[in-house]
C-alpha atoms as a PDB file:
ATOM      1  CA  MET A   1       0.000   0.000   0.000  1.00  0.00           C
ATOM      2  CA  GLU A   2       2.518   2.578   1.069  1.00  0.00           C
ATOM      3  CA  SER A   3       5.078   1.500  -1.509  1.00  0.00           C
ATOM      4  CA  ALA A   4       2.460   2.032  -4.238  1.00  0.00           C
ATOM      5  CA  MET A   5       1.592   5.528  -2.992  1.00  0.00           C
ATOM      6  CA  ASP A   6       4.962   7.263  -2.952  1.00  0.00           C
ATOM      7  CA  SER A   7       5.514  10.720  -1.527  1.00  0.00           C
ATOM      8  CA  SER A   8       5.444  12.407  -4.948  1.00  0.00           C
ATOM      9  CA  ALA A   9       1.914  11.093  -5.557  1.00  0.00           C
ATOM     10  CA  VAL A  10       0.728  12.333  -2.195  1.00  0.00           C
ATOM     11  CA  ARG A  11       2.165  15.794  -2.881  1.00  0.00           C
ATOM     12  CA  ARG A  12      -0.027  16.239  -5.997  1.00  0.00           C
ATOM     13  CA  PRO A  13      -3.072  18.269  -4.887  1.00  0.00           C
ATOM     14  CA  LEU A  14      -5.683  16.204  -6.729  1.00  0.00           C
ATOM     15  CA  ALA A  15      -4.169  12.916  -5.607  1.00  0.00           C
ATOM     16  CA  LEU A  16      -3.952  14.151  -2.013  1.00  0.00           C
ATOM     17  CA  ALA A  17      -7.558  15.370  -2.061  1.00  0.00           C
ATOM     18  CA  ALA A  18      -8.750  12.046  -3.481  1.00  0.00           C
ATOM     19  CA  LEU A  19      -6.855  10.025  -0.870  1.00  0.00           C
ATOM     20  CA  VAL A  20      -8.169  12.209   1.958  1.00  0.00           C
ATOM     21  CA  ALA A  21     -11.734  11.847   0.666  1.00  0.00           C
ATOM     22  CA  VAL A  22     -11.405   8.068   0.439  1.00  0.00           C
ATOM     23  CA  THR A  23      -9.956   7.958   3.960  1.00  0.00           C
ATOM     24  CA  MET A  24     -12.779  10.000   5.501  1.00  0.00           C
ATOM     25  CA  ILE A  25     -15.349   7.831   3.714  1.00  0.00           C
ATOM     26  CA  ALA A  26     -13.577   4.738   5.055  1.00  0.00           C
ATOM     27  CA  PHE A  27     -13.697   6.045   8.632  1.00  0.00           C
ATOM     28  CA  ALA A  28     -17.406   6.857   8.279  1.00  0.00           C
ATOM     29  CA  GLY A  29     -17.886   3.457   6.664  1.00  0.00           C
ATOM     30  CA  ASN A  30     -17.003   1.777   9.947  1.00  0.00           C
ATOM     31  CA  SER A  31     -20.198   3.168  11.484  1.00  0.00           C
ATOM     32  CA  LEU A  32     -22.308   2.226   8.474  1.00  0.00           C
ATOM     33  CA  LEU A  33     -20.963  -1.316   8.198  1.00  0.00           C
ATOM     34  CA  CYS A  34     -21.291  -1.999  11.912  1.00  0.00           C
ATOM     35  CA  ARG A  35     -24.825  -0.605  12.134  1.00  0.00           C
ATOM     36  CA  ALA A  36     -25.913  -2.460   8.983  1.00  0.00           C
ATOM     37  CA  ALA A  37     -24.492  -5.736  10.288  1.00  0.00           C
ATOM     38  CA  LEU A  38     -26.030  -5.517  13.750  1.00  0.00           C
ATOM     39  CA  LYS A  39     -29.410  -4.243  12.516  1.00  0.00           C
ATOM     40  CA  HIS A  40     -29.959  -6.232   9.315  1.00  0.00           C
ATOM     41  CA  THR A  41     -28.011  -9.490   9.783  1.00  0.00           C
ATOM     42  CA  GLY A  42     -27.867 -12.153  12.459  1.00  0.00           C
ATOM     43  CA  ILE A  43     -24.298 -11.570  13.684  1.00  0.00           C
ATOM     44  CA  ASP A  44     -23.815 -10.681  17.357  1.00  0.00           C
ATOM     45  CA  ALA A  45     -21.710  -7.750  18.608  1.00  0.00           C
ATOM     46  CA  ALA A  46     -18.932  -9.885  20.130  1.00  0.00           C
ATOM     47  CA  SER A  47     -18.416 -11.891  16.937  1.00  0.00           C
ATOM     48  CA  PHE A  48     -18.463  -8.714  14.840  1.00  0.00           C
ATOM     49  CA  THR A  49     -15.800  -7.181  17.099  1.00  0.00           C
ATOM     50  CA  THR A  50     -13.542 -10.227  16.917  1.00  0.00           C
ATOM     51  CA  ILE A  51     -13.795 -10.624  13.144  1.00  0.00           C
ATOM     52  CA  ARG A  52     -13.275  -6.890  12.607  1.00  0.00           C
ATOM     53  CA  ILE A  53     -10.133  -6.734  14.749  1.00  0.00           C
ATOM     54  CA  ALA A  54      -8.697  -9.977  13.356  1.00  0.00           C
ATOM     55  CA  SER A  55      -9.306  -8.839   9.754  1.00  0.00           C
ATOM     56  CA  GLY A  56      -7.701  -5.467  10.464  1.00  0.00           C
ATOM     57  CA  ALA A  57      -4.725  -7.158  12.105  1.00  0.00           C
ATOM     58  CA  LEU A  58      -4.186  -9.417   9.078  1.00  0.00           C
ATOM     59  CA  VAL A  59      -4.351  -6.586   6.533  1.00  0.00           C
ATOM     60  CA  LEU A  60      -2.084  -4.291   8.538  1.00  0.00           C
ATOM     61  CA  TRP A  61       0.409  -7.133   9.101  1.00  0.00           C
ATOM     62  CA  LEU A  62       0.481  -7.810   5.346  1.00  0.00           C
ATOM     63  CA  LEU A  63       1.034  -4.108   4.593  1.00  0.00           C
ATOM     64  CA  VAL A  64       3.912  -3.911   7.067  1.00  0.00           C
ATOM     65  CA  ARG A  65       5.455  -7.111   5.694  1.00  0.00           C
ATOM     66  CA  GLN A  66       5.149  -5.755   2.149  1.00  0.00           C
ATOM     67  CA  ARG A  67       7.449  -2.888   3.146  1.00  0.00           C
ATOM     68  CA  GLY A  68       9.969  -5.328   4.556  1.00  0.00           C
ATOM     69  CA  ALA A  69       9.400  -4.091   8.106  1.00  0.00           C
ATOM     70  CA  ARG A  70       8.841  -6.166  11.248  1.00  0.00           C
ATOM     71  CA  LEU A  71       6.345  -5.967  14.096  1.00  0.00           C
ATOM     72  CA  ASP A  72       8.802  -6.991  16.814  1.00  0.00           C
ATOM     73  CA  GLY A  73       8.118  -4.819  19.853  1.00  0.00           C
ATOM     74  CA  ARG A  74       5.681  -2.558  17.997  1.00  0.00           C
ATOM     75  CA  GLY A  75       2.649  -1.437  19.977  1.00  0.00           C
ATOM     76  CA  SER A  76       1.819  -2.251  23.578  1.00  0.00           C
ATOM     77  CA  TRP A  77      -0.677  -4.308  25.541  1.00  0.00           C
ATOM     78  CA  LEU A  78      -2.207  -1.236  27.170  1.00  0.00           C
ATOM     79  CA  SER A  79      -2.780   0.454  23.815  1.00  0.00           C
ATOM     80  CA  ALA A  80      -4.139  -2.815  22.449  1.00  0.00           C
ATOM     81  CA  PHE A  81      -6.639  -3.006  25.298  1.00  0.00           C
ATOM     82  CA  ALA A  82      -7.754   0.582  24.622  1.00  0.00           C
ATOM     83  CA  LEU A  83      -8.205  -0.373  20.953  1.00  0.00           C
ATOM     84  CA  PHE A  84     -10.246  -3.429  21.961  1.00  0.00           C
ATOM     85  CA  ALA A  85     -12.353  -1.368  24.393  1.00  0.00           C
ATOM     86  CA  TYR A  86     -13.123   1.084  21.595  1.00  0.00           C
ATOM     87  CA  ALA A  87     -14.051  -1.654  19.108  1.00  0.00           C
ATOM     88  CA  GLY A  88     -16.146  -3.595  21.627  1.00  0.00           C
ATOM     89  CA  GLY A  89     -18.039  -0.559  22.913  1.00  0.00           C
ATOM     90  CA  PHE A  90     -18.528   0.596  19.320  1.00  0.00           C
ATOM     91  CA  SER A  91     -20.094  -2.719  18.285  1.00  0.00           C
ATOM     92  CA  TYR A  92     -22.401  -3.070  21.276  1.00  0.00           C
ATOM     93  CA  ALA A  93     -23.492   0.579  20.972  1.00  0.00           C
ATOM     94  CA  TYR A  94     -24.526   0.038  17.366  1.00  0.00           C
ATOM     95  CA  THR A  95     -27.003  -2.652  18.327  1.00  0.00           C
ATOM     96  CA  SER A  96     -29.313   0.273  19.183  1.00  0.00           C
ATOM     97  CA  LEU A  97     -27.857   3.556  17.872  1.00  0.00           C
ATOM     98  CA  PRO A  98     -28.376   5.009  14.372  1.00  0.00           C
ATOM     99  CA  ALA A  99     -25.137   5.349  12.406  1.00  0.00           C
ATOM    100  CA  GLY A 100     -25.057   9.158  12.378  1.00  0.00           C
ATOM    101  CA  THR A 101     -25.899   9.549  16.062  1.00  0.00           C
ATOM    102  CA  GLY A 102     -23.272   6.972  17.006  1.00  0.00           C
ATOM    103  CA  ALA A 103     -20.570   8.633  14.919  1.00  0.00           C
ATOM    104  CA  LEU A 104     -21.392  12.014  16.434  1.00  0.00           C
ATOM    105  CA  LEU A 105     -21.242  10.679  20.005  1.00  0.00           C
ATOM    106  CA  LEU A 106     -18.019   8.807  19.253  1.00  0.00           C
ATOM    107  CA  PHE A 107     -16.286  11.817  17.716  1.00  0.00           C
ATOM    108  CA  GLY A 108     -17.433  14.134  20.495  1.00  0.00           C
ATOM    109  CA  ALA A 109     -16.139  11.760  23.160  1.00  0.00           C
ATOM    110  CA  VAL A 110     -12.780  11.309  21.387  1.00  0.00           C
ATOM    111  CA  GLN A 111     -12.204  15.040  21.178  1.00  0.00           C
ATOM    112  CA  ALA A 112     -13.440  15.675  24.742  1.00  0.00           C
ATOM    113  CA  THR A 113     -11.001  13.056  26.030  1.00  0.00           C
ATOM    114  CA  MET A 114      -8.053  14.558  24.178  1.00  0.00           C
ATOM    115  CA  VAL A 115      -8.920  18.148  25.125  1.00  0.00           C
ATOM    116  CA  GLY A 116      -9.496  17.048  28.731  1.00  0.00           C
ATOM    117  CA  TYR A 117      -6.071  15.436  28.800  1.00  0.00           C
ATOM    118  CA  GLY A 118      -4.534  18.633  27.467  1.00  0.00           C
ATOM    119  CA  ILE A 119      -6.178  20.670  30.234  1.00  0.00           C
ATOM    120  CA  TRP A 120      -5.140  18.119  32.879  1.00  0.00           C
ATOM    121  CA  SER A 121      -1.521  18.268  31.646  1.00  0.00           C
ATOM    122  CA  GLY A 122      -1.412  22.056  31.894  1.00  0.00           C
ATOM    123  CA  GLU A 123      -2.709  23.324  28.556  1.00  0.00           C
ATOM    124  CA  ARG A 124      -4.554  26.643  28.940  1.00  0.00           C
ATOM    125  CA  LEU A 125      -7.603  27.256  26.768  1.00  0.00           C
ATOM    126  CA  ARG A 126      -8.104  30.570  25.010  1.00  0.00           C
ATOM    127  CA  ALA A 127     -11.482  32.270  25.311  1.00  0.00           C
ATOM    128  CA  MET A 128     -12.678  30.955  21.924  1.00  0.00           C
ATOM    129  CA  GLN A 129     -11.481  27.459  22.780  1.00  0.00           C
ATOM    130  CA  LEU A 130     -13.404  27.551  26.044  1.00  0.00           C
ATOM    131  CA  LEU A 131     -16.485  28.766  24.178  1.00  0.00           C
ATOM    132  CA  GLY A 132     -16.064  25.933  21.676  1.00  0.00           C
ATOM    133  CA  LEU A 133     -15.691  23.349  24.423  1.00  0.00           C
ATOM    134  CA  LEU A 134     -18.827  24.573  26.188  1.00  0.00           C
ATOM    135  CA  LEU A 135     -20.724  24.589  22.889  1.00  0.00           C
ATOM    136  CA  ALA A 136     -19.670  21.013  22.091  1.00  0.00           C
ATOM    137  CA  LEU A 137     -20.523  19.761  25.589  1.00  0.00           C
ATOM    138  CA  GLY A 138     -23.860  21.548  25.369  1.00  0.00           C
ATOM    139  CA  GLY A 139     -24.525  19.800  22.067  1.00  0.00           C
ATOM    140  CA  LEU A 140     -23.734  16.425  23.614  1.00  0.00           C
ATOM    141  CA  ALA A 141     -25.990  17.179  26.588  1.00  0.00           C
ATOM    142  CA  GLY A 142     -28.789  18.306  24.294  1.00  0.00           C
ATOM    143  CA  LEU A 143     -28.487  15.142  22.233  1.00  0.00           C
ATOM    144  CA  LEU A 144     -28.762  12.952  25.330  1.00  0.00           C
ATOM    145  CA  LEU A 145     -31.632  14.778  27.067  1.00  0.00           C
ATOM    146  CA  PRO A 146     -34.728  12.567  27.494  1.00  0.00           C
ATOM    147  CA  GLY A 147     -37.314  12.857  24.743  1.00  0.00           C
ATOM    148  CA  LEU A 148     -38.902  11.043  21.829  1.00  0.00           C
ATOM    149  CA  SER A 149     -35.881  11.561  19.575  1.00  0.00           C
ATOM    150  CA  ALA A 150     -33.218  10.897  22.212  1.00  0.00           C
ATOM    151  CA  PRO A 151     -30.841   8.002  21.476  1.00  0.00           C
ATOM    152  CA  PRO A 152     -31.103   4.890  23.686  1.00  0.00           C
ATOM    153  CA  LEU A 153     -29.229   5.641  26.904  1.00  0.00           C
ATOM    154  CA  GLN A 154     -27.337   2.351  27.091  1.00  0.00           C
ATOM    155  CA  GLY A 155     -26.122   2.634  23.508  1.00  0.00           C
ATOM    156  CA  ALA A 156     -25.148   6.271  24.040  1.00  0.00           C
ATOM    157  CA  VAL A 157     -23.132   5.458  27.172  1.00  0.00           C
ATOM    158  CA  LEU A 158     -21.363   2.600  25.393  1.00  0.00           C
ATOM    159  CA  MET A 159     -20.458   4.846  22.451  1.00  0.00           C
ATOM    160  CA  LEU A 160     -19.179   7.595  24.745  1.00  0.00           C
ATOM    161  CA  ALA A 161     -17.016   4.977  26.490  1.00  0.00           C
ATOM    162  CA  ALA A 162     -15.781   3.763  23.101  1.00  0.00           C
ATOM    163  CA  GLY A 163     -14.860   7.333  22.174  1.00  0.00           C
ATOM    164  CA  ALA A 164     -12.982   7.818  25.432  1.00  0.00           C
ATOM    165  CA  ALA A 165     -11.077   4.575  24.771  1.00  0.00           C
ATOM    166  CA  TRP A 166     -10.162   5.743  21.262  1.00  0.00           C
ATOM    167  CA  GLY A 167      -9.044   9.096  22.658  1.00  0.00           C
ATOM    168  CA  ILE A 168      -6.748   7.279  25.093  1.00  0.00           C
ATOM    169  CA  TYR A 169      -5.464   5.086  22.268  1.00  0.00           C
ATOM    170  CA  SER A 170      -4.724   8.175  20.146  1.00  0.00           C
ATOM    171  CA  LEU A 171      -2.913   9.926  22.995  1.00  0.00           C
ATOM    172  CA  ARG A 172      -0.773   6.869  23.667  1.00  0.00           C
ATOM    173  CA  GLY A 173       0.085   6.590  19.979  1.00  0.00           C
ATOM    174  CA  LYS A 174       1.671  10.039  19.679  1.00  0.00           C
ATOM    175  CA  GLY A 175       5.387   9.680  19.010  1.00  0.00           C
ATOM    176  CA  ALA A 176       5.261   5.881  19.268  1.00  0.00           C
ATOM    177  CA  GLY A 177       7.222   5.336  16.055  1.00  0.00           C
ATOM    178  CA  ASP A 178       6.122   4.038  12.636  1.00  0.00           C
ATOM    179  CA  PRO A 179       2.335   4.509  12.958  1.00  0.00           C
ATOM    180  CA  THR A 180       1.335   1.739  10.553  1.00  0.00           C
ATOM    181  CA  ALA A 181       3.603  -0.817  12.233  1.00  0.00           C
ATOM    182  CA  VAL A 182       2.517   0.296  15.710  1.00  0.00           C
ATOM    183  CA  THR A 183      -1.149   0.074  14.719  1.00  0.00           C
ATOM    184  CA  ALA A 184      -0.573  -3.375  13.239  1.00  0.00           C
ATOM    185  CA  GLY A 185       1.092  -4.541  16.452  1.00  0.00           C
ATOM    186  CA  ASN A 186      -1.778  -3.193  18.537  1.00  0.00           C
ATOM    187  CA  PHE A 187      -4.380  -4.841  16.304  1.00  0.00           C
ATOM    188  CA  CYS A 188      -2.572  -8.174  16.604  1.00  0.00           C
ATOM    189  CA  ARG A 189      -2.528  -7.894  20.393  1.00  0.00           C
ATOM    190  CA  ALA A 190      -6.160  -6.727  20.513  1.00  0.00           C
ATOM    191  CA  THR A 191      -7.186  -9.899  18.682  1.00  0.00           C
ATOM    192  CA  LEU A 192      -6.461 -11.832  21.881  1.00  0.00           C
ATOM    193  CA  PHE A 193      -8.784  -9.614  23.939  1.00  0.00           C
ATOM    194  CA  ALA A 194     -11.500  -9.910  21.282  1.00  0.00           C
ATOM    195  CA  ALA A 195     -11.154 -13.692  21.218  1.00  0.00           C
ATOM    196  CA  MET A 196     -11.590 -13.759  25.001  1.00  0.00           C
ATOM    197  CA  LEU A 197     -14.771 -11.679  24.647  1.00  0.00           C
ATOM    198  CA  SER A 198     -16.127 -14.092  22.037  1.00  0.00           C
ATOM    199  CA  LEU A 199     -15.306 -17.009  24.314  1.00  0.00           C
ATOM    200  CA  ILE A 200     -17.167 -15.406  27.218  1.00  0.00           C
ATOM    201  CA  MET A 201     -20.161 -14.618  24.991  1.00  0.00           C
ATOM    202  CA  ALA A 202     -20.083 -17.955  23.142  1.00  0.00           C
ATOM    203  CA  GLY A 203     -23.550 -18.862  24.406  1.00  0.00           C
ATOM    204  CA  SER A 204     -25.114 -15.974  22.498  1.00  0.00           C
ATOM    205  CA  ALA A 205     -22.876 -16.122  19.417  1.00  0.00           C
ATOM    206  CA  ARG A 206     -24.641 -15.879  16.053  1.00  0.00           C
ATOM    207  CA  LEU A 207     -23.040 -15.865  12.631  1.00  0.00           C
ATOM    208  CA  ASP A 208     -24.295 -15.537   9.082  1.00  0.00           C
ATOM    209  CA  ALA A 209     -22.585 -14.894   5.774  1.00  0.00           C
ATOM    210  CA  ALA A 210     -23.738 -11.282   5.423  1.00  0.00           C
ATOM    211  CA  GLY A 211     -22.763 -10.339   8.972  1.00  0.00           C
ATOM    212  CA  VAL A 212     -19.326 -11.918   8.607  1.00  0.00           C
ATOM    213  CA  GLY A 213     -18.872 -10.091   5.297  1.00  0.00           C
ATOM    214  CA  TYR A 214     -19.673  -6.747   6.897  1.00  0.00           C
ATOM    215  CA  ALA A 215     -17.262  -7.468   9.752  1.00  0.00           C
ATOM    216  CA  VAL A 216     -14.442  -8.436   7.391  1.00  0.00           C
ATOM    217  CA  ALA A 217     -15.028  -5.317   5.295  1.00  0.00           C
ATOM    218  CA  SER A 218     -15.015  -3.163   8.430  1.00  0.00           C
ATOM    219  CA  GLY A 219     -11.745  -4.682   9.634  1.00  0.00           C
ATOM    220  CA  ALA A 220      -9.851  -5.118   6.385  1.00  0.00           C
ATOM    221  CA  LEU A 221     -11.047  -2.133   4.350  1.00  0.00           C
ATOM    222  CA  THR A 222     -12.439   0.705   6.462  1.00  0.00           C
ATOM    223  CA  SER A 223     -10.136   0.002   9.427  1.00  0.00           C
ATOM    224  CA  GLY A 224      -6.916  -1.610   8.157  1.00  0.00           C
ATOM    225  CA  ILE A 225      -6.564   0.065   4.775  1.00  0.00           C
ATOM    226  CA  GLY A 226      -8.287   3.203   6.073  1.00  0.00           C
ATOM    227  CA  TYR A 227      -5.645   3.696   8.753  1.00  0.00           C
ATOM    228  CA  ALA A 228      -2.829   2.934   6.296  1.00  0.00           C
ATOM    229  CA  LEU A 229      -4.198   5.582   3.918  1.00  0.00           C
ATOM    230  CA  TRP A 230      -4.496   8.113   6.721  1.00  0.00           C
ATOM    231  CA  TYR A 231      -0.917   7.607   7.846  1.00  0.00           C
ATOM    232  CA  THR A 232       0.170   7.991   4.211  1.00  0.00           C
ATOM    233  CA  VAL A 233      -1.505  11.379   3.694  1.00  0.00           C
ATOM    234  CA  LEU A 234      -0.977  12.735   7.218  1.00  0.00           C
ATOM    235  CA  PRO A 235       2.608  13.987   6.667  1.00  0.00           C
ATOM    236  CA  ALA A 236       1.359  16.128   3.752  1.00  0.00           C
ATOM    237  CA  LEU A 237      -1.319  17.851   5.871  1.00  0.00           C
ATOM    238  CA  ARG A 238      -1.016  20.657   8.381  1.00  0.00           C
ATOM    239  CA  ALA A 239      -2.078  19.732  11.899  1.00  0.00           C
ATOM    240  CA  THR A 240      -5.073  22.076  11.724  1.00  0.00           C
ATOM    241  CA  THR A 241      -6.138  20.681   8.359  1.00  0.00           C
ATOM    242  CA  ALA A 242      -5.845  17.086   9.534  1.00  0.00           C
ATOM    243  CA  SER A 243      -7.933  17.777  12.633  1.00  0.00           C
ATOM    244  CA  THR A 244     -10.655  19.743  10.877  1.00  0.00           C
ATOM    245  CA  LEU A 245     -10.951  17.230   8.034  1.00  0.00           C
ATOM    246  CA  GLN A 246     -12.024  14.625  10.567  1.00  0.00           C
ATOM    247  CA  LEU A 247     -15.065  16.772  11.376  1.00  0.00           C
ATOM    248  CA  SER A 248     -16.511  15.452   8.120  1.00  0.00           C
ATOM    249  CA  VAL A 249     -16.662  11.846   9.375  1.00  0.00           C
ATOM    250  CA  PRO A 250     -19.861  12.128  11.485  1.00  0.00           C
ATOM    251  CA  VAL A 251     -21.520  14.089   8.668  1.00  0.00           C
ATOM    252  CA  ILE A 252     -20.621  11.417   6.084  1.00  0.00           C
ATOM    253  CA  ALA A 253     -21.844   8.701   8.461  1.00  0.00           C
ATOM    254  CA  ALA A 254     -25.141  10.536   9.003  1.00  0.00           C
ATOM    255  CA  LEU A 255     -25.662  10.992   5.259  1.00  0.00           C
ATOM    256  CA  GLY A 256     -24.804   7.352   4.654  1.00  0.00           C
ATOM    257  CA  GLY A 257     -27.268   6.301   7.331  1.00  0.00           C
ATOM    258  CA  ILE A 258     -30.008   8.330   5.636  1.00  0.00           C
ATOM    259  CA  LEU A 259     -29.212   7.106   2.116  1.00  0.00           C
ATOM    260  CA  PHE A 260     -28.354   3.452   2.745  1.00  0.00           C
ATOM    261  CA  LEU A 261     -30.002   2.520   6.051  1.00  0.00           C
ATOM    262  CA  GLY A 262     -33.146   4.620   5.864  1.00  0.00           C
ATOM    263  CA  GLU A 263     -32.411   6.473   9.100  1.00  0.00           C
ATOM    264  CA  PRO A 264     -34.567   9.549   9.831  1.00  0.00           C
ATOM    265  CA  VAL A 265     -33.319  13.115  10.185  1.00  0.00           C
ATOM    266  CA  THR A 266     -34.463  14.852  13.374  1.00  0.00           C
ATOM    267  CA  LEU A 267     -34.113  18.463  14.457  1.00  0.00           C
ATOM    268  CA  ARG A 268     -32.342  17.277  17.620  1.00  0.00           C
ATOM    269  CA  ILE A 269     -29.562  15.505  15.729  1.00  0.00           C
ATOM    270  CA  VAL A 270     -29.109  18.457  13.316  1.00  0.00           C
ATOM    271  CA  LEU A 271     -28.800  20.999  16.141  1.00  0.00           C
ATOM    272  CA  ALA A 272     -26.546  18.692  18.157  1.00  0.00           C
ATOM    273  CA  ALA A 273     -24.290  18.122  15.144  1.00  0.00           C
ATOM    274  CA  VAL A 274     -23.956  21.870  14.530  1.00  0.00           C
ATOM    275  CA  ALA A 275     -23.142  22.515  18.200  1.00  0.00           C
ATOM    276  CA  ILE A 276     -20.730  19.592  18.666  1.00  0.00           C
ATOM    277  CA  LEU A 277     -18.836  19.894  15.386  1.00  0.00           C
ATOM    278  CA  GLY A 278     -18.849  23.693  15.479  1.00  0.00           C
ATOM    279  CA  GLY A 279     -17.555  23.698  19.048  1.00  0.00           C
ATOM    280  CA  ILE A 280     -14.815  21.203  18.253  1.00  0.00           C
ATOM    281  CA  ALA A 281     -13.820  23.274  15.219  1.00  0.00           C
ATOM    282  CA  LEU A 282     -13.403  26.335  17.451  1.00  0.00           C
ATOM    283  CA  VAL A 283     -11.167  24.375  19.829  1.00  0.00           C
ATOM    284  CA  ILE A 284      -9.028  22.923  17.028  1.00  0.00           C
ATOM    285  CA  LEU A 285      -8.616  26.088  14.994  1.00  0.00           C
ATOM    286  CA  ASN A 286      -7.679  28.205  18.009  1.00  0.00           C
ATOM    287  CA  ARG A 287      -5.347  25.523  19.402  1.00  0.00           C
ATOM    288  CA  HIS A 288      -3.124  25.623  16.312  1.00  0.00           C
ATOM    289  CA  ARG A 289      -3.333  29.367  15.732  1.00  0.00           C
END
């Protein structure tokens, strides 16, 4: 993968834009594939998680091997557990959450975790950053308030936990070395945790061809290749650009949910999306200014 997409290709504006677009669609595709599998097929959440992680591990391992690199000592068990916690919470949350709502909760929780860590470690927020943080938290609170259009509480809590786990995973991954190799090592380790979950939940395990296909696509394509693409284009992007581009993921997931899964659009989700994504944008843009 990376050998095929050399640095000169990534530097070309049209090629870079195309790769970024494909990457964002892949990240949003995780929500769509997981929701479609757990709503429309017979697969259970534990089996989906295990197949997704194992498929991602295999693809990332093959990509690293293609470059002639090795996984020896890459990644860590703690990061792998955070990755597993994200994937498991993500799958169980999507047994009840719409794709767009889940992606919005996930992204909000990821960013809240990372901003919270920055504050805890001594980072001082500017006035506009503080306003953005309050706006995003208000959007999350508004989305979760009881009402006819509120998301199921259990699913929402699970997705917020998954987002916090992914935020921790992202923080631990900063400066950890070759990101593709590190991610591959963490996926390989996380496979063990996922297998243990499947063993514990063996009594309720359900598999069918469509569900397995969705899980493999989520692991191999939208996770494994998606992450490899992201790490390929990331060096060509400014930090602000990279952060703000990811704001598109919940929007793409919501549109995909409407177009492909028949999910409704509610005023609550539209207002929450504007508040959460707008607030996060204020934090990101003022952080890098």
